[in-house]
Amino acid sequence: MQFRQRPQPISIVNLVPMVDIVFTIVIFYMVTSTFIVTPAISLKLPQSTTASPTEMSKLVVTVEGPDAIYLNRTHYTLAGLAKALAAISPAERRSIGSIVLEGDRSISYNLMIQVLDVLRTNDFKNVSLRLRPAEALPVGPSPSGGRG
């Protein structure tokens, strides 16, 4: 009488499908976070040698001109921006923390101050300016003799 051996169950865990799924999730996360960060508004930011990276924020105010102010990606005038900021609840304001303010280098200083006033009037005190890093300027006397 001949007995057959029972097949042994495979006790090896195949990790390839799990690695594929994790890799797909990581790629999905990287692509979607890039789309969220990339602004749809093209700006020529001012340069600064002391510019540091700004923290990400739920609210980004972009100023292109007097009638072209964006809160995240929604277009407003200065008065419309004030109304939109006033509509944010106090609980939401506390959760926002900081606002990133970015403006084209060609806009007037007066307009940036007006936007800052609107932010401060609506209890947004922590405002970060977004700048573009520039090359370090040489230290020493200027070519015009130190007076300009």
C-alpha atoms as a PDB file:
ATOM      1  CA  MET A   1       0.000   0.000   0.000  1.00  0.00           C
ATOM      2  CA  GLN A   2       1.407   3.239  -1.095  1.00  0.00           C
ATOM      3  CA  PHE A   3       0.497   6.475   0.704  1.00  0.00           C
ATOM      4  CA  ARG A   4       0.722   9.822  -0.892  1.00  0.00           C
ATOM      5  CA  GLN A   5       2.238  12.639   1.016  1.00  0.00           C
ATOM      6  CA  ARG A   6      -0.036  15.526   1.736  1.00  0.00           C
ATOM      7  CA  PRO A   7       1.126  18.751   0.145  1.00  0.00           C
ATOM      8  CA  GLN A   8       2.501  21.187   2.670  1.00  0.00           C
ATOM      9  CA  PRO A   9       0.800  24.594   2.767  1.00  0.00           C
ATOM     10  CA  ILE A  10       2.889  27.494   1.532  1.00  0.00           C
ATOM     11  CA  SER A  11       3.812  29.552   4.545  1.00  0.00           C
ATOM     12  CA  ILE A  12       5.680  32.316   2.726  1.00  0.00           C
ATOM     13  CA  VAL A  13       4.056  35.746   2.619  1.00  0.00           C
ATOM     14  CA  ASN A  14       4.380  37.332  -0.772  1.00  0.00           C
ATOM     15  CA  LEU A  15       5.307  40.997  -0.221  1.00  0.00           C
ATOM     16  CA  VAL A  16       5.303  42.070  -3.861  1.00  0.00           C
ATOM     17  CA  PRO A  17       1.580  42.998  -4.031  1.00  0.00           C
ATOM     18  CA  MET A  18       1.836  44.948  -0.775  1.00  0.00           C
ATOM     19  CA  VAL A  19       4.872  46.866  -2.014  1.00  0.00           C
ATOM     20  CA  ASP A  20       3.048  47.648  -5.267  1.00  0.00           C
ATOM     21  CA  ILE A  21       0.063  49.071  -3.370  1.00  0.00           C
ATOM     22  CA  VAL A  22       2.215  51.149  -1.013  1.00  0.00           C
ATOM     23  CA  PHE A  23       4.248  52.470  -3.938  1.00  0.00           C
ATOM     24  CA  THR A  24       1.048  53.439  -5.787  1.00  0.00           C
ATOM     25  CA  ILE A  25      -0.290  55.253  -2.709  1.00  0.00           C
ATOM     26  CA  VAL A  26       2.983  57.166  -2.279  1.00  0.00           C
ATOM     27  CA  ILE A  27       2.963  58.261  -5.923  1.00  0.00           C
ATOM     28  CA  PHE A  28      -0.685  59.311  -5.669  1.00  0.00           C
ATOM     29  CA  TYR A  29       0.075  61.360  -2.546  1.00  0.00           C
ATOM     30  CA  MET A  30       3.078  63.062  -4.186  1.00  0.00           C
ATOM     31  CA  VAL A  31       1.132  63.976  -7.322  1.00  0.00           C
ATOM     32  CA  THR A  32      -1.919  65.337  -5.489  1.00  0.00           C
ATOM     33  CA  SER A  33       0.152  67.346  -3.014  1.00  0.00           C
ATOM     34  CA  THR A  34       2.065  68.909  -5.918  1.00  0.00           C
ATOM     35  CA  PHE A  35      -1.196  70.011  -7.534  1.00  0.00           C
ATOM     36  CA  ILE A  36      -2.381  71.557  -4.288  1.00  0.00           C
ATOM     37  CA  VAL A  37       0.838  73.535  -3.743  1.00  0.00           C
ATOM     38  CA  THR A  38       1.350  74.764  -7.296  1.00  0.00           C
ATOM     39  CA  PRO A  39      -0.365  78.130  -7.693  1.00  0.00           C
ATOM     40  CA  ALA A  40      -2.490  78.725 -10.755  1.00  0.00           C
ATOM     41  CA  ILE A  41      -1.592  82.420 -10.755  1.00  0.00           C
ATOM     42  CA  SER A  42       1.660  83.420 -12.400  1.00  0.00           C
ATOM     43  CA  LEU A  43       3.580  85.978 -10.352  1.00  0.00           C
ATOM     44  CA  LYS A  44       6.959  87.630 -10.545  1.00  0.00           C
ATOM     45  CA  LEU A  45       7.788  87.614  -6.852  1.00  0.00           C
ATOM     46  CA  PRO A  46      10.183  90.203  -5.452  1.00  0.00           C
ATOM     47  CA  GLN A  47      13.659  88.958  -4.595  1.00  0.00           C
ATOM     48  CA  SER A  48      15.319  89.027  -1.205  1.00  0.00           C
ATOM     49  CA  THR A  49      18.698  87.757  -0.091  1.00  0.00           C
ATOM     50  CA  THR A  50      17.259  86.948   3.345  1.00  0.00           C
ATOM     51  CA  ALA A  51      14.151  85.144   2.076  1.00  0.00           C
ATOM     52  CA  SER A  52      13.296  81.957   3.917  1.00  0.00           C
ATOM     53  CA  PRO A  53      10.758  79.298   2.959  1.00  0.00           C
ATOM     54  CA  THR A  54       7.210  80.099   4.056  1.00  0.00           C
ATOM     55  CA  GLU A  55       5.125  77.507   5.844  1.00  0.00           C
ATOM     56  CA  MET A  56       2.150  76.084   4.044  1.00  0.00           C
ATOM     57  CA  SER A  57      -1.123  77.676   5.006  1.00  0.00           C
ATOM     58  CA  LYS A  58      -4.802  77.042   4.394  1.00  0.00           C
ATOM     59  CA  LEU A  59      -5.167  80.610   3.129  1.00  0.00           C
ATOM     60  CA  VAL A  60      -3.000  82.231   0.481  1.00  0.00           C
ATOM     61  CA  VAL A  61      -3.732  85.808  -0.587  1.00  0.00           C
ATOM     62  CA  THR A  62      -2.280  86.653  -3.994  1.00  0.00           C
ATOM     63  CA  VAL A  63      -2.201  90.261  -5.196  1.00  0.00           C
ATOM     64  CA  GLU A  64      -1.756  90.911  -8.923  1.00  0.00           C
ATOM     65  CA  GLY A  65      -3.352  94.358  -9.055  1.00  0.00           C
ATOM     66  CA  PRO A  66      -6.078  96.561  -7.549  1.00  0.00           C
ATOM     67  CA  ASP A  67      -8.881  94.485  -9.080  1.00  0.00           C
ATOM     68  CA  ALA A  68      -7.033  91.165  -9.127  1.00  0.00           C
ATOM     69  CA  ILE A  69      -6.785  89.815  -5.592  1.00  0.00           C
ATOM     70  CA  TYR A  70      -7.133  86.088  -5.016  1.00  0.00           C
ATOM     71  CA  LEU A  71      -7.989  84.244  -1.825  1.00  0.00           C
ATOM     72  CA  ASN A  72      -6.583  80.810  -2.577  1.00  0.00           C
ATOM     73  CA  ARG A  73      -7.767  80.671  -6.204  1.00  0.00           C
ATOM     74  CA  THR A  74     -10.985  82.684  -5.959  1.00  0.00           C
ATOM     75  CA  HIS A  75     -10.919  86.135  -7.548  1.00  0.00           C
ATOM     76  CA  TYR A  76     -11.950  89.151  -5.421  1.00  0.00           C
ATOM     77  CA  THR A  77     -11.681  92.911  -5.353  1.00  0.00           C
ATOM     78  CA  LEU A  78     -10.354  94.550  -2.189  1.00  0.00           C
ATOM     79  CA  ALA A  79     -13.898  95.034  -0.839  1.00  0.00           C
ATOM     80  CA  GLY A  80     -14.844  91.478  -1.808  1.00  0.00           C
ATOM     81  CA  LEU A  81     -11.767  90.150  -0.013  1.00  0.00           C
ATOM     82  CA  ALA A  82     -12.867  91.920   3.164  1.00  0.00           C
ATOM     83  CA  LYS A  83     -16.324  90.328   2.916  1.00  0.00           C
ATOM     84  CA  ALA A  84     -14.894  86.866   2.241  1.00  0.00           C
ATOM     85  CA  LEU A  85     -12.527  87.096   5.213  1.00  0.00           C
ATOM     86  CA  ALA A  86     -15.311  88.385   7.472  1.00  0.00           C
ATOM     87  CA  ALA A  87     -17.397  85.323   6.570  1.00  0.00           C
ATOM     88  CA  ILE A  88     -14.792  82.968   8.076  1.00  0.00           C
ATOM     89  CA  SER A  89     -15.867  81.748  11.508  1.00  0.00           C
ATOM     90  CA  PRO A  90     -13.712  82.483  14.592  1.00  0.00           C
ATOM     91  CA  ALA A  91     -13.083  78.757  15.109  1.00  0.00           C
ATOM     92  CA  GLU A  92     -11.806  78.445  11.541  1.00  0.00           C
ATOM     93  CA  ARG A  93      -9.599  81.528  12.016  1.00  0.00           C
ATOM     94  CA  ARG A  94      -7.935  79.924  15.021  1.00  0.00           C
ATOM     95  CA  SER A  95      -7.274  76.733  13.063  1.00  0.00           C
ATOM     96  CA  ILE A  96      -5.754  78.647  10.128  1.00  0.00           C
ATOM     97  CA  GLY A  97      -2.958  80.198  12.153  1.00  0.00           C
ATOM     98  CA  SER A  98      -0.875  81.900   9.467  1.00  0.00           C
ATOM     99  CA  ILE A  99      -1.743  83.430   6.101  1.00  0.00           C
ATOM    100  CA  VAL A 100       0.691  83.592   3.196  1.00  0.00           C
ATOM    101  CA  LEU A 101       0.624  86.915   1.321  1.00  0.00           C
ATOM    102  CA  GLU A 102       2.225  87.044  -2.091  1.00  0.00           C
ATOM    103  CA  GLY A 103       2.271  89.941  -4.480  1.00  0.00           C
ATOM    104  CA  ASP A 104       3.638  90.631  -7.922  1.00  0.00           C
ATOM    105  CA  ARG A 105       6.718  92.839  -7.873  1.00  0.00           C
ATOM    106  CA  SER A 106       4.997  95.417 -10.085  1.00  0.00           C
ATOM    107  CA  ILE A 107       2.126  96.239  -7.685  1.00  0.00           C
ATOM    108  CA  SER A 108       2.225  99.331  -5.518  1.00  0.00           C
ATOM    109  CA  TYR A 109       3.323  99.343  -1.920  1.00  0.00           C
ATOM    110  CA  ASN A 110       0.087 101.125  -1.044  1.00  0.00           C
ATOM    111  CA  LEU A 111      -1.993  98.210  -2.370  1.00  0.00           C
ATOM    112  CA  MET A 112      -0.041  95.691  -0.273  1.00  0.00           C
ATOM    113  CA  ILE A 113      -0.642  97.840   2.825  1.00  0.00           C
ATOM    114  CA  GLN A 114      -4.365  97.987   2.009  1.00  0.00           C
ATOM    115  CA  VAL A 115      -4.482  94.192   1.755  1.00  0.00           C
ATOM    116  CA  LEU A 116      -2.579  93.884   5.042  1.00  0.00           C
ATOM    117  CA  ASP A 117      -5.086  96.262   6.644  1.00  0.00           C
ATOM    118  CA  VAL A 118      -7.976  94.096   5.421  1.00  0.00           C
ATOM    119  CA  LEU A 119      -6.281  91.013   6.896  1.00  0.00           C
ATOM    120  CA  ARG A 120      -5.623  92.708  10.235  1.00  0.00           C
ATOM    121  CA  THR A 121      -9.141  94.167  10.406  1.00  0.00           C
ATOM    122  CA  ASN A 122     -10.469  90.618  10.128  1.00  0.00           C
ATOM    123  CA  ASP A 123      -8.211  89.358  12.971  1.00  0.00           C
ATOM    124  CA  PHE A 124      -5.583  87.680  10.807  1.00  0.00           C
ATOM    125  CA  LYS A 125      -2.440  88.907  12.553  1.00  0.00           C
ATOM    126  CA  ASN A 126       0.077  86.231  11.550  1.00  0.00           C
ATOM    127  CA  VAL A 127       0.923  87.035   7.914  1.00  0.00           C
ATOM    128  CA  SER A 128       3.952  85.659   6.055  1.00  0.00           C
ATOM    129  CA  LEU A 129       5.251  87.351   2.912  1.00  0.00           C
ATOM    130  CA  ARG A 130       6.298  85.001   0.133  1.00  0.00           C
ATOM    131  CA  LEU A 131       9.483  86.068  -1.644  1.00  0.00           C
ATOM    132  CA  ARG A 132      11.870  84.598  -4.161  1.00  0.00           C
ATOM    133  CA  PRO A 133      15.417  84.013  -2.896  1.00  0.00           C
ATOM    134  CA  ALA A 134      18.082  86.103  -4.654  1.00  0.00           C
ATOM    135  CA  GLU A 135      21.802  85.729  -4.930  1.00  0.00           C
ATOM    136  CA  ALA A 136      23.721  87.272  -2.057  1.00  0.00           C
ATOM    137  CA  LEU A 137      24.684  90.879  -2.678  1.00  0.00           C
ATOM    138  CA  PRO A 138      28.348  91.814  -2.258  1.00  0.00           C
ATOM    139  CA  VAL A 139      29.171  93.436   1.071  1.00  0.00           C
ATOM    140  CA  GLY A 140      31.183  96.640   0.969  1.00  0.00           C
ATOM    141  CA  PRO A 141      30.989 100.211  -0.219  1.00  0.00           C
ATOM    142  CA  SER A 142      28.761 100.925  -3.193  1.00  0.00           C
ATOM    143  CA  PRO A 143      30.293 102.091  -6.488  1.00  0.00           C
ATOM    144  CA  SER A 144      28.737 105.537  -5.964  1.00  0.00           C
ATOM    145  CA  GLY A 145      30.862 106.241  -2.879  1.00  0.00           C
ATOM    146  CA  GLY A 146      28.466 104.879  -0.244  1.00  0.00           C
ATOM    147  CA  ARG A 147      25.645 107.386  -0.794  1.00  0.00           C
ATOM    148  CA  GLY A 148      22.787 106.709  -3.025  1.00  0.00           C
END
